[in-house]
Amino acid sequence: MEIPSTNELITQSKTNVANTLRNLASAIEAGTVSRYEIHQTSDGLITVKADSSDGTKRMIQTQKSIEGYTKTSNEFIQKQPPQIRLETVKKLVLEEKLNQSQIAERTMYSQKTISNDIKKLRNLGEI
């Protein structure tokens, strides 16, 4: 196996971002994406969020690039009924250590709904 050079890694990282943006543009044109957000920070973190046109699914792609290293992660989210959402919230609190706003983003529900879910889970002694 040949290890890519730093320049090859940087080029690959930029290509990944360009491909993501092309795919997003195609989905917007096709009408399969209703809402999207692209955010880039000064430390090389790029986040692309897109919601399905019916508002029931979300994709979050995050890419972190530093010289010689690129990490890309994809999250695929589907809006859930209350009981399943409660289990998901429990896992995100206990296993992922996410806060309310992070959980809200990943479940497609308001922060207030997530706050109520967390309160309910605490009252049940589950978290």
N, C-alpha and C. Protein backbone atom coordinates (compact mmCIF):
# COMPACT_ATOMS: atom_id res chain seq x y z
N MET A 1 0.85 -1.18 0.00
CA MET A 1 0.00 0.00 0.00
C MET A 1 0.88 1.24 0.00
N GLU A 2 0.59 2.15 -0.90
CA GLU A 2 1.36 3.39 -0.98
C GLU A 2 0.67 4.47 -0.15
N ILE A 3 1.45 5.14 0.67
CA ILE A 3 0.91 6.20 1.52
C ILE A 3 0.95 7.51 0.73
N PRO A 4 -0.19 8.22 0.64
CA PRO A 4 -0.22 9.47 -0.13
C PRO A 4 0.61 10.56 0.52
N SER A 5 1.14 11.47 -0.30
CA SER A 5 1.89 12.61 0.21
C SER A 5 0.93 13.63 0.81
N THR A 6 1.49 14.61 1.53
CA THR A 6 0.67 15.66 2.13
C THR A 6 -0.13 16.40 1.06
N ASN A 7 0.52 16.73 -0.07
CA ASN A 7 -0.19 17.44 -1.15
C ASN A 7 -1.33 16.60 -1.71
N GLU A 8 -1.11 15.29 -1.82
CA GLU A 8 -2.18 14.41 -2.31
C GLU A 8 -3.35 14.37 -1.33
N LEU A 9 -3.05 14.38 -0.02
CA LEU A 9 -4.11 14.39 0.99
C LEU A 9 -4.91 15.68 0.94
N ILE A 10 -4.23 16.82 0.76
CA ILE A 10 -4.92 18.11 0.69
C ILE A 10 -5.81 18.15 -0.55
N THR A 11 -5.27 17.67 -1.68
CA THR A 11 -6.06 17.63 -2.92
C THR A 11 -7.27 16.72 -2.76
N GLN A 12 -7.07 15.57 -2.11
CA GLN A 12 -8.18 14.63 -1.88
C GLN A 12 -9.24 15.28 -1.00
N SER A 13 -8.81 16.02 0.03
CA SER A 13 -9.75 16.69 0.93
C SER A 13 -10.58 17.71 0.17
N LYS A 14 -9.94 18.52 -0.67
CA LYS A 14 -10.66 19.53 -1.45
C LYS A 14 -11.61 18.87 -2.45
N THR A 15 -11.19 17.75 -3.01
CA THR A 15 -12.04 17.02 -3.94
C THR A 15 -13.28 16.49 -3.23
N ASN A 16 -13.11 15.98 -2.00
CA ASN A 16 -14.25 15.48 -1.22
C ASN A 16 -15.26 16.59 -0.98
N VAL A 17 -14.78 17.77 -0.61
CA VAL A 17 -15.67 18.91 -0.36
C VAL A 17 -16.39 19.30 -1.64
N ALA A 18 -15.65 19.39 -2.73
CA ALA A 18 -16.26 19.76 -4.02
C ALA A 18 -17.32 18.75 -4.43
N ASN A 19 -17.05 17.47 -4.24
CA ASN A 19 -18.04 16.43 -4.58
C ASN A 19 -19.29 16.56 -3.72
N THR A 20 -19.10 16.84 -2.43
CA THR A 20 -20.25 17.04 -1.54
C THR A 20 -21.09 18.21 -2.01
N LEU A 21 -20.45 19.31 -2.38
CA LEU A 21 -21.18 20.49 -2.84
C LEU A 21 -21.90 20.23 -4.17
N ARG A 22 -21.26 19.49 -5.06
CA ARG A 22 -21.91 19.13 -6.33
C ARG A 22 -23.15 18.27 -6.07
N ASN A 23 -23.01 17.29 -5.18
CA ASN A 23 -24.15 16.42 -4.84
C ASN A 23 -25.28 17.23 -4.21
N LEU A 24 -24.93 18.18 -3.35
CA LEU A 24 -25.94 19.03 -2.72
C LEU A 24 -26.65 19.87 -3.77
N ALA A 25 -25.89 20.46 -4.69
CA ALA A 25 -26.48 21.28 -5.75
C ALA A 25 -27.43 20.45 -6.61
N SER A 26 -27.05 19.23 -6.92
CA SER A 26 -27.92 18.35 -7.72
C SER A 26 -29.21 18.03 -6.97
N ALA A 27 -29.10 17.78 -5.66
CA ALA A 27 -30.28 17.47 -4.85
C ALA A 27 -31.21 18.68 -4.75
N ILE A 28 -30.63 19.87 -4.66
CA ILE A 28 -31.44 21.10 -4.62
C ILE A 28 -32.19 21.26 -5.94
N GLU A 29 -31.47 21.08 -7.05
CA GLU A 29 -32.11 21.19 -8.38
C GLU A 29 -33.22 20.16 -8.56
N ALA A 30 -33.01 18.96 -8.03
CA ALA A 30 -34.00 17.89 -8.17
C ALA A 30 -35.18 18.05 -7.22
N GLY A 31 -35.05 18.97 -6.27
CA GLY A 31 -36.13 19.20 -5.32
C GLY A 31 -36.19 18.21 -4.17
N THR A 32 -35.12 17.44 -3.97
CA THR A 32 -35.12 16.46 -2.88
C THR A 32 -34.59 17.04 -1.57
N VAL A 33 -34.05 18.25 -1.63
CA VAL A 33 -33.55 18.94 -0.43
C VAL A 33 -34.34 20.22 -0.27
N SER A 34 -34.89 20.43 0.92
CA SER A 34 -35.67 21.65 1.15
C SER A 34 -34.89 22.71 1.90
N ARG A 35 -34.03 22.28 2.78
CA ARG A 35 -33.28 23.21 3.62
C ARG A 35 -31.86 22.70 3.73
N TYR A 36 -30.89 23.60 3.65
CA TYR A 36 -29.50 23.18 3.77
C TYR A 36 -28.69 24.28 4.41
N GLU A 37 -27.54 23.89 4.93
CA GLU A 37 -26.65 24.83 5.60
C GLU A 37 -25.22 24.35 5.39
N ILE A 38 -24.34 25.28 5.07
CA ILE A 38 -22.92 24.97 4.91
C ILE A 38 -22.15 25.90 5.83
N HIS A 39 -21.26 25.32 6.63
CA HIS A 39 -20.51 26.12 7.59
C HIS A 39 -19.05 25.70 7.57
N GLN A 40 -18.15 26.69 7.50
CA GLN A 40 -16.72 26.40 7.53
C GLN A 40 -16.08 27.26 8.61
N THR A 41 -15.26 26.63 9.45
CA THR A 41 -14.58 27.37 10.51
C THR A 41 -13.13 27.63 10.12
N SER A 42 -12.50 28.53 10.84
CA SER A 42 -11.11 28.89 10.53
C SER A 42 -10.13 27.75 10.80
N ASP A 43 -10.55 26.76 11.60
CA ASP A 43 -9.65 25.64 11.91
C ASP A 43 -9.81 24.46 10.94
N GLY A 44 -10.52 24.68 9.82
CA GLY A 44 -10.61 23.65 8.79
C GLY A 44 -11.78 22.71 8.89
N LEU A 45 -12.73 22.98 9.78
CA LEU A 45 -13.91 22.13 9.92
C LEU A 45 -15.01 22.60 8.97
N ILE A 46 -15.50 21.70 8.14
CA ILE A 46 -16.58 22.02 7.20
C ILE A 46 -17.77 21.12 7.54
N THR A 47 -18.94 21.74 7.72
CA THR A 47 -20.15 20.99 8.02
C THR A 47 -21.21 21.33 6.98
N VAL A 48 -21.79 20.30 6.40
CA VAL A 48 -22.89 20.46 5.45
C VAL A 48 -24.09 19.72 6.03
N LYS A 49 -25.21 20.45 6.19
CA LYS A 49 -26.45 19.85 6.68
C LYS A 49 -27.50 20.01 5.60
N ALA A 50 -28.28 18.98 5.38
CA ALA A 50 -29.35 19.05 4.38
C ALA A 50 -30.55 18.25 4.87
N ASP A 51 -31.74 18.85 4.74
CA ASP A 51 -32.99 18.19 5.11
C ASP A 51 -33.74 17.77 3.85
N SER A 52 -34.41 16.63 3.93
CA SER A 52 -35.21 16.16 2.81
C SER A 52 -36.37 17.11 2.57
N SER A 53 -36.90 17.09 1.36
CA SER A 53 -37.98 18.02 1.00
C SER A 53 -39.23 17.80 1.84
N ASP A 54 -39.45 16.58 2.35
CA ASP A 54 -40.62 16.34 3.20
C ASP A 54 -40.35 16.59 4.68
N GLY A 55 -39.11 16.98 5.02
CA GLY A 55 -38.76 17.34 6.39
C GLY A 55 -38.62 16.18 7.36
N THR A 56 -38.51 14.95 6.86
CA THR A 56 -38.42 13.80 7.75
C THR A 56 -37.02 13.22 7.89
N LYS A 57 -36.08 13.69 7.07
CA LYS A 57 -34.72 13.15 7.10
C LYS A 57 -33.71 14.28 7.04
N ARG A 58 -32.56 14.03 7.65
CA ARG A 58 -31.46 15.00 7.65
C ARG A 58 -30.15 14.25 7.46
N MET A 59 -29.25 14.88 6.72
CA MET A 59 -27.90 14.37 6.54
C MET A 59 -26.95 15.46 7.04
N ILE A 60 -25.99 15.05 7.86
CA ILE A 60 -24.96 15.98 8.33
C ILE A 60 -23.62 15.36 7.95
N GLN A 61 -22.84 16.07 7.15
CA GLN A 61 -21.50 15.62 6.80
C GLN A 61 -20.51 16.61 7.38
N THR A 62 -19.53 16.08 8.11
CA THR A 62 -18.51 16.91 8.73
C THR A 62 -17.15 16.46 8.22
N GLN A 63 -16.34 17.43 7.86
CA GLN A 63 -14.99 17.12 7.41
C GLN A 63 -14.00 18.02 8.13
N LYS A 64 -13.02 17.40 8.75
CA LYS A 64 -11.96 18.13 9.45
C LYS A 64 -10.67 17.87 8.71
N SER A 65 -10.01 18.94 8.29
CA SER A 65 -8.76 18.80 7.55
C SER A 65 -7.67 19.60 8.22
N ILE A 66 -6.58 18.92 8.50
CA ILE A 66 -5.35 19.58 8.92
C ILE A 66 -4.25 18.99 8.04
N GLU A 67 -3.12 19.62 8.01
CA GLU A 67 -2.07 19.17 7.10
C GLU A 67 -1.75 17.69 7.32
N GLY A 68 -1.93 16.91 6.28
CA GLY A 68 -1.60 15.49 6.33
C GLY A 68 -2.68 14.61 6.93
N TYR A 69 -3.85 15.18 7.25
CA TYR A 69 -4.91 14.38 7.89
C TYR A 69 -6.27 14.93 7.52
N THR A 70 -7.16 14.06 7.12
CA THR A 70 -8.54 14.45 6.85
C THR A 70 -9.47 13.41 7.46
N LYS A 71 -10.47 13.89 8.18
CA LYS A 71 -11.48 13.00 8.77
C LYS A 71 -12.84 13.44 8.28
N THR A 72 -13.60 12.52 7.71
CA THR A 72 -14.95 12.80 7.23
C THR A 72 -15.92 11.89 7.95
N SER A 73 -17.01 12.48 8.43
CA SER A 73 -18.06 11.65 9.05
C SER A 73 -19.41 12.04 8.46
N ASN A 74 -20.28 11.06 8.37
CA ASN A 74 -21.63 11.26 7.85
C ASN A 74 -22.63 10.78 8.89
N GLU A 75 -23.66 11.58 9.10
CA GLU A 75 -24.76 11.19 9.97
C GLU A 75 -26.04 11.24 9.14
N PHE A 76 -26.83 10.19 9.24
CA PHE A 76 -28.11 10.12 8.55
C PHE A 76 -29.19 10.01 9.60
N ILE A 77 -30.10 10.95 9.61
CA ILE A 77 -31.08 11.09 10.67
C ILE A 77 -32.48 11.00 10.08
N GLN A 78 -33.36 10.33 10.78
CA GLN A 78 -34.76 10.25 10.38
C GLN A 78 -35.61 10.65 11.57
N LYS A 79 -36.59 11.52 11.33
CA LYS A 79 -37.49 11.95 12.40
C LYS A 79 -38.19 10.73 12.97
N GLN A 80 -38.27 10.66 14.31
CA GLN A 80 -38.78 9.47 14.98
C GLN A 80 -40.05 9.75 15.77
N PRO A 81 -40.87 8.71 15.97
CA PRO A 81 -42.03 8.87 16.85
C PRO A 81 -41.55 9.04 18.30
N PRO A 82 -42.39 9.59 19.18
CA PRO A 82 -41.97 9.95 20.54
C PRO A 82 -41.24 8.86 21.34
N GLN A 83 -41.73 7.65 21.39
CA GLN A 83 -41.10 6.62 22.22
C GLN A 83 -39.71 6.25 21.71
N ILE A 84 -39.57 6.14 20.40
CA ILE A 84 -38.26 5.83 19.82
C ILE A 84 -37.32 7.02 20.02
N ARG A 85 -37.85 8.24 19.85
CA ARG A 85 -37.04 9.44 20.07
C ARG A 85 -36.51 9.47 21.50
N LEU A 86 -37.34 9.09 22.47
CA LEU A 86 -36.94 9.08 23.87
C LEU A 86 -35.73 8.15 24.08
N GLU A 87 -35.75 6.99 23.45
CA GLU A 87 -34.61 6.06 23.54
C GLU A 87 -33.37 6.64 22.88
N THR A 88 -33.57 7.31 21.75
CA THR A 88 -32.44 7.94 21.06
C THR A 88 -31.85 9.05 21.92
N VAL A 89 -32.70 9.88 22.51
CA VAL A 89 -32.23 10.96 23.38
C VAL A 89 -31.43 10.38 24.54
N LYS A 90 -31.92 9.32 25.13
CA LYS A 90 -31.23 8.66 26.25
C LYS A 90 -29.82 8.23 25.82
N LYS A 91 -29.72 7.58 24.65
CA LYS A 91 -28.41 7.13 24.16
C LYS A 91 -27.48 8.31 23.87
N LEU A 92 -28.03 9.36 23.28
CA LEU A 92 -27.19 10.52 22.94
C LEU A 92 -26.69 11.24 24.19
N VAL A 93 -27.49 11.23 25.25
CA VAL A 93 -27.07 11.84 26.52
C VAL A 93 -26.02 10.96 27.20
N LEU A 94 -26.32 9.68 27.35
CA LEU A 94 -25.44 8.78 28.11
C LEU A 94 -24.19 8.35 27.36
N GLU A 95 -24.33 8.02 26.09
CA GLU A 95 -23.20 7.47 25.33
C GLU A 95 -22.40 8.52 24.59
N GLU A 96 -23.09 9.48 23.98
CA GLU A 96 -22.40 10.49 23.18
C GLU A 96 -22.10 11.76 23.97
N LYS A 97 -22.72 11.91 25.14
CA LYS A 97 -22.52 13.08 26.01
C LYS A 97 -22.87 14.39 25.30
N LEU A 98 -23.94 14.37 24.51
CA LEU A 98 -24.36 15.56 23.77
C LEU A 98 -25.25 16.44 24.64
N ASN A 99 -25.22 17.75 24.36
CA ASN A 99 -26.11 18.67 25.07
C ASN A 99 -27.44 18.79 24.31
N GLN A 100 -28.38 19.53 24.90
CA GLN A 100 -29.73 19.63 24.32
C GLN A 100 -29.74 20.15 22.89
N SER A 101 -28.96 21.19 22.62
CA SER A 101 -28.99 21.75 21.26
C SER A 101 -28.38 20.78 20.25
N GLN A 102 -27.34 20.05 20.65
CA GLN A 102 -26.75 19.05 19.75
C GLN A 102 -27.74 17.92 19.48
N ILE A 103 -28.45 17.50 20.52
CA ILE A 103 -29.44 16.43 20.36
C ILE A 103 -30.59 16.92 19.47
N ALA A 104 -31.03 18.15 19.68
CA ALA A 104 -32.11 18.71 18.86
C ALA A 104 -31.73 18.70 17.39
N GLU A 105 -30.50 19.09 17.09
CA GLU A 105 -30.04 19.10 15.71
C GLU A 105 -30.03 17.70 15.11
N ARG A 106 -29.66 16.72 15.91
CA ARG A 106 -29.53 15.35 15.41
C ARG A 106 -30.85 14.57 15.39
N THR A 107 -31.88 15.10 16.03
CA THR A 107 -33.16 14.40 16.04
C THR A 107 -34.24 15.14 15.25
N MET A 108 -33.94 16.35 14.81
CA MET A 108 -34.87 17.18 14.04
C MET A 108 -36.06 17.63 14.87
N TYR A 109 -35.86 17.77 16.17
CA TYR A 109 -36.90 18.30 17.06
C TYR A 109 -36.37 19.54 17.74
N SER A 110 -37.26 20.34 18.28
CA SER A 110 -36.85 21.58 18.94
C SER A 110 -36.09 21.28 20.23
N GLN A 111 -35.31 22.25 20.65
CA GLN A 111 -34.57 22.10 21.90
C GLN A 111 -35.54 21.95 23.08
N LYS A 112 -36.69 22.61 23.01
CA LYS A 112 -37.70 22.50 24.07
C LYS A 112 -38.22 21.07 24.17
N THR A 113 -38.49 20.44 23.03
CA THR A 113 -38.94 19.04 23.03
C THR A 113 -37.89 18.14 23.65
N ILE A 114 -36.64 18.36 23.29
CA ILE A 114 -35.54 17.55 23.84
C ILE A 114 -35.40 17.81 25.34
N SER A 115 -35.56 19.06 25.75
CA SER A 115 -35.51 19.40 27.17
C SER A 115 -36.59 18.63 27.93
N ASN A 116 -37.79 18.58 27.37
CA ASN A 116 -38.89 17.82 27.99
C ASN A 116 -38.57 16.32 28.04
N ASP A 117 -37.98 15.80 26.96
CA ASP A 117 -37.60 14.39 26.94
C ASP A 117 -36.57 14.08 28.03
N ILE A 118 -35.58 14.94 28.17
CA ILE A 118 -34.54 14.73 29.19
C ILE A 118 -35.16 14.80 30.59
N LYS A 119 -36.06 15.74 30.79
CA LYS A 119 -36.75 15.86 32.08
C LYS A 119 -37.53 14.58 32.39
N LYS A 120 -38.23 14.06 31.39
CA LYS A 120 -39.00 12.83 31.56
C LYS A 120 -38.08 11.65 31.89
N LEU A 121 -36.96 11.55 31.17
CA LEU A 121 -36.00 10.47 31.43
C LEU A 121 -35.41 10.57 32.83
N ARG A 122 -35.15 11.79 33.29
CA ARG A 122 -34.65 11.98 34.67
C ARG A 122 -35.70 11.57 35.69
N ASN A 123 -36.95 11.96 35.45
CA ASN A 123 -38.04 11.59 36.37
C ASN A 123 -38.23 10.08 36.44
N LEU A 124 -37.96 9.40 35.33
CA LEU A 124 -38.07 7.94 35.29
C LEU A 124 -36.81 7.25 35.84
N GLY A 125 -35.78 8.07 36.16
CA GLY A 125 -34.53 7.52 36.68
C GLY A 125 -33.68 6.82 35.64
N GLU A 126 -33.91 7.15 34.37
CA GLU A 126 -33.17 6.48 33.30
C GLU A 126 -31.88 7.20 32.92
N ILE A 127 -31.76 8.46 33.33
CA ILE A 127 -30.49 9.18 33.12
C ILE A 127 -30.14 9.94 34.38
